[in-house]
Amino acid sequence: MSAKPGVSVVIPAKNEEKSIGKCIEKIQRVFTEHHTDGEIIIADNSTDNTPEIAKSLGAKVIVPDEHGYGNAYRFGFEHASGDYVVM
């Protein structure tokens, strides 16, 4: 059983395959540099390779129940388990 993360980072995404990897890697670097246990949640409605890239880098990928930026955040927050949520 893994410990509860201190921080959850929620990112809404739609067809971000060109940039999602860099974003996830930067967040992971911050976690490492600050000795922070965190999770990255991608609320994704893509038709490209965004979810595959995100999963391959260790992010949790969820598919919101409704389309839209606000709904992506809401759904991501519902799946966040960290003590703090960053958007």
N, C-alpha and C. Protein backbone atom coordinates (compact mmCIF):
# COMPACT_ATOMS: atom_id res chain seq x y z
N MET A 1 0.85 -1.19 0.00
CA MET A 1 0.00 0.00 0.00
C MET A 1 0.89 1.24 0.00
N SER A 2 0.67 2.14 -0.93
CA SER A 2 1.48 3.35 -1.02
C SER A 2 0.90 4.44 -0.12
N ALA A 3 1.77 5.34 0.31
CA ALA A 3 1.36 6.44 1.17
C ALA A 3 0.56 7.46 0.38
N LYS A 4 -0.26 8.19 1.09
CA LYS A 4 -1.05 9.26 0.48
C LYS A 4 -0.09 10.36 0.01
N PRO A 5 -0.26 10.83 -1.23
CA PRO A 5 0.63 11.90 -1.71
C PRO A 5 0.37 13.21 -0.98
N GLY A 6 1.43 14.01 -0.85
CA GLY A 6 1.28 15.31 -0.24
C GLY A 6 0.62 16.30 -1.18
N VAL A 7 0.88 16.14 -2.48
CA VAL A 7 0.39 17.08 -3.48
C VAL A 7 -0.21 16.34 -4.66
N SER A 8 -1.34 16.82 -5.13
CA SER A 8 -1.94 16.33 -6.37
C SER A 8 -1.93 17.49 -7.36
N VAL A 9 -1.36 17.25 -8.54
CA VAL A 9 -1.37 18.25 -9.60
C VAL A 9 -2.39 17.78 -10.64
N VAL A 10 -3.39 18.61 -10.90
CA VAL A 10 -4.45 18.27 -11.85
C VAL A 10 -4.27 19.10 -13.12
N ILE A 11 -4.22 18.40 -14.24
CA ILE A 11 -4.03 19.06 -15.53
C ILE A 11 -5.13 18.61 -16.49
N PRO A 12 -5.97 19.54 -16.97
CA PRO A 12 -6.93 19.18 -18.02
C PRO A 12 -6.18 19.11 -19.34
N ALA A 13 -6.53 18.16 -20.19
CA ALA A 13 -5.81 18.02 -21.46
C ALA A 13 -6.75 17.59 -22.58
N LYS A 14 -6.46 18.12 -23.75
CA LYS A 14 -7.15 17.69 -24.96
C LYS A 14 -6.18 17.88 -26.12
N ASN A 15 -5.70 16.77 -26.63
CA ASN A 15 -4.78 16.77 -27.78
C ASN A 15 -3.52 17.59 -27.51
N GLU A 16 -2.82 17.21 -26.46
CA GLU A 16 -1.60 17.90 -26.02
C GLU A 16 -0.35 17.06 -26.21
N GLU A 17 -0.36 16.15 -27.19
CA GLU A 17 0.76 15.21 -27.31
C GLU A 17 2.11 15.88 -27.53
N LYS A 18 2.14 17.08 -28.05
CA LYS A 18 3.42 17.76 -28.29
C LYS A 18 4.01 18.37 -27.02
N SER A 19 3.19 18.58 -26.00
CA SER A 19 3.71 19.26 -24.81
C SER A 19 3.48 18.53 -23.49
N ILE A 20 2.61 17.54 -23.45
CA ILE A 20 2.27 16.91 -22.17
C ILE A 20 3.48 16.26 -21.51
N GLY A 21 4.35 15.66 -22.29
CA GLY A 21 5.53 15.01 -21.72
C GLY A 21 6.42 16.00 -21.00
N LYS A 22 6.68 17.15 -21.61
CA LYS A 22 7.52 18.17 -20.98
C LYS A 22 6.88 18.68 -19.69
N CYS A 23 5.57 18.86 -19.69
CA CYS A 23 4.87 19.33 -18.49
C CYS A 23 5.00 18.33 -17.35
N ILE A 24 4.77 17.08 -17.64
CA ILE A 24 4.86 16.04 -16.62
C ILE A 24 6.28 15.94 -16.09
N GLU A 25 7.26 15.96 -16.96
CA GLU A 25 8.66 15.87 -16.54
C GLU A 25 9.06 17.05 -15.65
N LYS A 26 8.58 18.25 -15.96
CA LYS A 26 8.88 19.42 -15.13
C LYS A 26 8.27 19.28 -13.74
N ILE A 27 7.05 18.80 -13.67
CA ILE A 27 6.39 18.60 -12.38
C ILE A 27 7.14 17.55 -11.57
N GLN A 28 7.51 16.45 -12.20
CA GLN A 28 8.27 15.41 -11.51
C GLN A 28 9.60 15.93 -11.00
N ARG A 29 10.24 16.80 -11.77
CA ARG A 29 11.50 17.39 -11.35
C ARG A 29 11.31 18.25 -10.09
N VAL A 30 10.22 19.01 -10.04
CA VAL A 30 9.92 19.82 -8.86
C VAL A 30 9.67 18.91 -7.66
N PHE A 31 8.91 17.84 -7.84
CA PHE A 31 8.69 16.89 -6.76
C PHE A 31 10.02 16.38 -6.22
N THR A 32 10.92 16.00 -7.10
CA THR A 32 12.22 15.45 -6.71
C THR A 32 13.06 16.50 -6.00
N GLU A 33 13.16 17.68 -6.58
CA GLU A 33 13.99 18.74 -6.00
C GLU A 33 13.52 19.17 -4.62
N HIS A 34 12.22 19.09 -4.38
CA HIS A 34 11.66 19.52 -3.10
C HIS A 34 11.29 18.35 -2.20
N HIS A 35 11.75 17.15 -2.57
CA HIS A 35 11.50 15.95 -1.77
C HIS A 35 10.02 15.83 -1.40
N THR A 36 9.18 15.98 -2.41
CA THR A 36 7.73 15.96 -2.24
C THR A 36 7.14 14.72 -2.89
N ASP A 37 6.30 14.05 -2.14
CA ASP A 37 5.56 12.91 -2.68
C ASP A 37 4.30 13.47 -3.34
N GLY A 38 4.19 13.29 -4.64
CA GLY A 38 3.04 13.85 -5.34
C GLY A 38 2.52 12.96 -6.43
N GLU A 39 1.34 13.29 -6.90
CA GLU A 39 0.73 12.58 -8.01
C GLU A 39 0.35 13.60 -9.07
N ILE A 40 0.35 13.14 -10.31
CA ILE A 40 -0.06 13.97 -11.44
C ILE A 40 -1.28 13.32 -12.07
N ILE A 41 -2.35 14.08 -12.12
CA ILE A 41 -3.61 13.59 -12.68
C ILE A 41 -3.90 14.36 -13.96
N ILE A 42 -4.05 13.63 -15.05
CA ILE A 42 -4.39 14.22 -16.33
C ILE A 42 -5.86 13.91 -16.61
N ALA A 43 -6.69 14.95 -16.63
CA ALA A 43 -8.10 14.80 -16.97
C ALA A 43 -8.19 14.99 -18.48
N ASP A 44 -8.34 13.90 -19.20
CA ASP A 44 -8.08 13.89 -20.63
C ASP A 44 -9.28 13.53 -21.50
N ASN A 45 -9.49 14.33 -22.53
CA ASN A 45 -10.49 14.04 -23.56
C ASN A 45 -9.84 14.12 -24.94
N SER A 46 -8.68 13.53 -25.09
CA SER A 46 -7.91 13.62 -26.33
C SER A 46 -8.28 12.56 -27.34
N THR A 47 -7.98 12.89 -28.60
CA THR A 47 -8.10 11.92 -29.68
C THR A 47 -6.72 11.60 -30.26
N ASP A 48 -5.67 12.18 -29.65
CA ASP A 48 -4.31 11.91 -30.10
C ASP A 48 -3.61 11.00 -29.07
N ASN A 49 -2.30 11.04 -28.99
CA ASN A 49 -1.55 10.16 -28.10
C ASN A 49 -1.29 10.73 -26.71
N THR A 50 -1.97 11.79 -26.35
CA THR A 50 -1.77 12.41 -25.04
C THR A 50 -1.89 11.41 -23.89
N PRO A 51 -2.95 10.61 -23.82
CA PRO A 51 -3.07 9.71 -22.66
C PRO A 51 -1.97 8.66 -22.59
N GLU A 52 -1.56 8.14 -23.74
CA GLU A 52 -0.49 7.13 -23.74
C GLU A 52 0.83 7.73 -23.26
N ILE A 53 1.13 8.94 -23.70
CA ILE A 53 2.36 9.60 -23.28
C ILE A 53 2.31 9.86 -21.78
N ALA A 54 1.20 10.38 -21.30
CA ALA A 54 1.06 10.68 -19.88
C ALA A 54 1.20 9.42 -19.02
N LYS A 55 0.54 8.35 -19.41
CA LYS A 55 0.64 7.09 -18.66
C LYS A 55 2.06 6.56 -18.66
N SER A 56 2.75 6.67 -19.79
CA SER A 56 4.11 6.14 -19.88
C SER A 56 5.07 6.88 -18.96
N LEU A 57 4.71 8.11 -18.59
CA LEU A 57 5.53 8.91 -17.69
C LEU A 57 5.06 8.83 -16.24
N GLY A 58 4.08 7.98 -15.98
CA GLY A 58 3.64 7.74 -14.61
C GLY A 58 2.47 8.57 -14.14
N ALA A 59 1.87 9.36 -15.00
CA ALA A 59 0.70 10.15 -14.60
C ALA A 59 -0.53 9.26 -14.56
N LYS A 60 -1.46 9.64 -13.72
CA LYS A 60 -2.76 8.97 -13.66
C LYS A 60 -3.65 9.67 -14.67
N VAL A 61 -4.20 8.93 -15.62
CA VAL A 61 -5.05 9.51 -16.65
C VAL A 61 -6.49 9.10 -16.39
N ILE A 62 -7.36 10.11 -16.34
CA ILE A 62 -8.79 9.86 -16.15
C ILE A 62 -9.54 10.55 -17.28
N VAL A 63 -10.72 10.05 -17.60
CA VAL A 63 -11.55 10.63 -18.65
C VAL A 63 -12.77 11.26 -17.98
N PRO A 64 -12.86 12.60 -18.02
CA PRO A 64 -13.99 13.27 -17.39
C PRO A 64 -15.33 12.79 -17.94
N ASP A 65 -16.35 12.86 -17.10
CA ASP A 65 -17.68 12.40 -17.48
C ASP A 65 -18.39 13.38 -18.41
N GLU A 66 -17.88 14.62 -18.51
CA GLU A 66 -18.43 15.62 -19.42
C GLU A 66 -17.29 16.41 -20.03
N HIS A 67 -17.50 16.96 -21.21
CA HIS A 67 -16.48 17.78 -21.87
C HIS A 67 -16.44 19.18 -21.24
N GLY A 68 -15.35 19.86 -21.46
CA GLY A 68 -15.21 21.24 -20.99
C GLY A 68 -14.11 21.38 -19.97
N TYR A 69 -13.49 22.55 -19.99
CA TYR A 69 -12.36 22.87 -19.11
C TYR A 69 -12.73 22.76 -17.63
N GLY A 70 -13.84 23.38 -17.26
CA GLY A 70 -14.29 23.34 -15.87
C GLY A 70 -14.61 21.94 -15.41
N ASN A 71 -15.27 21.17 -16.27
CA ASN A 71 -15.60 19.79 -15.92
C ASN A 71 -14.35 18.94 -15.76
N ALA A 72 -13.33 19.21 -16.58
CA ALA A 72 -12.08 18.46 -16.47
C ALA A 72 -11.45 18.70 -15.10
N TYR A 73 -11.41 19.95 -14.67
CA TYR A 73 -10.88 20.25 -13.34
C TYR A 73 -11.71 19.60 -12.24
N ARG A 74 -13.03 19.75 -12.32
CA ARG A 74 -13.92 19.17 -11.29
C ARG A 74 -13.67 17.67 -11.16
N PHE A 75 -13.62 16.99 -12.30
CA PHE A 75 -13.42 15.55 -12.29
C PHE A 75 -12.03 15.20 -11.75
N GLY A 76 -11.03 15.98 -12.14
CA GLY A 76 -9.69 15.77 -11.62
C GLY A 76 -9.62 15.95 -10.11
N PHE A 77 -10.27 16.98 -9.59
CA PHE A 77 -10.28 17.22 -8.15
C PHE A 77 -10.93 16.06 -7.41
N GLU A 78 -11.97 15.48 -8.00
CA GLU A 78 -12.64 14.34 -7.37
C GLU A 78 -11.72 13.14 -7.25
N HIS A 79 -10.73 13.03 -8.14
CA HIS A 79 -9.81 11.89 -8.14
C HIS A 79 -8.50 12.18 -7.42
N ALA A 80 -8.32 13.42 -6.98
CA ALA A 80 -7.09 13.80 -6.29
C ALA A 80 -7.10 13.27 -4.87
N SER A 81 -5.96 12.76 -4.42
CA SER A 81 -5.88 12.23 -3.07
C SER A 81 -4.83 12.93 -2.21
N GLY A 82 -4.18 13.95 -2.76
CA GLY A 82 -3.15 14.67 -2.02
C GLY A 82 -3.73 15.59 -0.95
N ASP A 83 -2.86 15.96 0.00
CA ASP A 83 -3.26 16.91 1.02
C ASP A 83 -3.51 18.29 0.41
N TYR A 84 -2.78 18.59 -0.66
CA TYR A 84 -2.93 19.85 -1.38
C TYR A 84 -3.17 19.53 -2.85
N VAL A 85 -3.98 20.38 -3.50
CA VAL A 85 -4.27 20.21 -4.92
C VAL A 85 -3.77 21.45 -5.65
N VAL A 86 -3.00 21.22 -6.70
CA VAL A 86 -2.44 22.29 -7.52
C VAL A 86 -3.03 22.19 -8.91
N MET A 87 -3.39 23.35 -9.44
CA MET A 87 -3.92 23.39 -10.80
C MET A 87 -3.11 24.32 -11.65
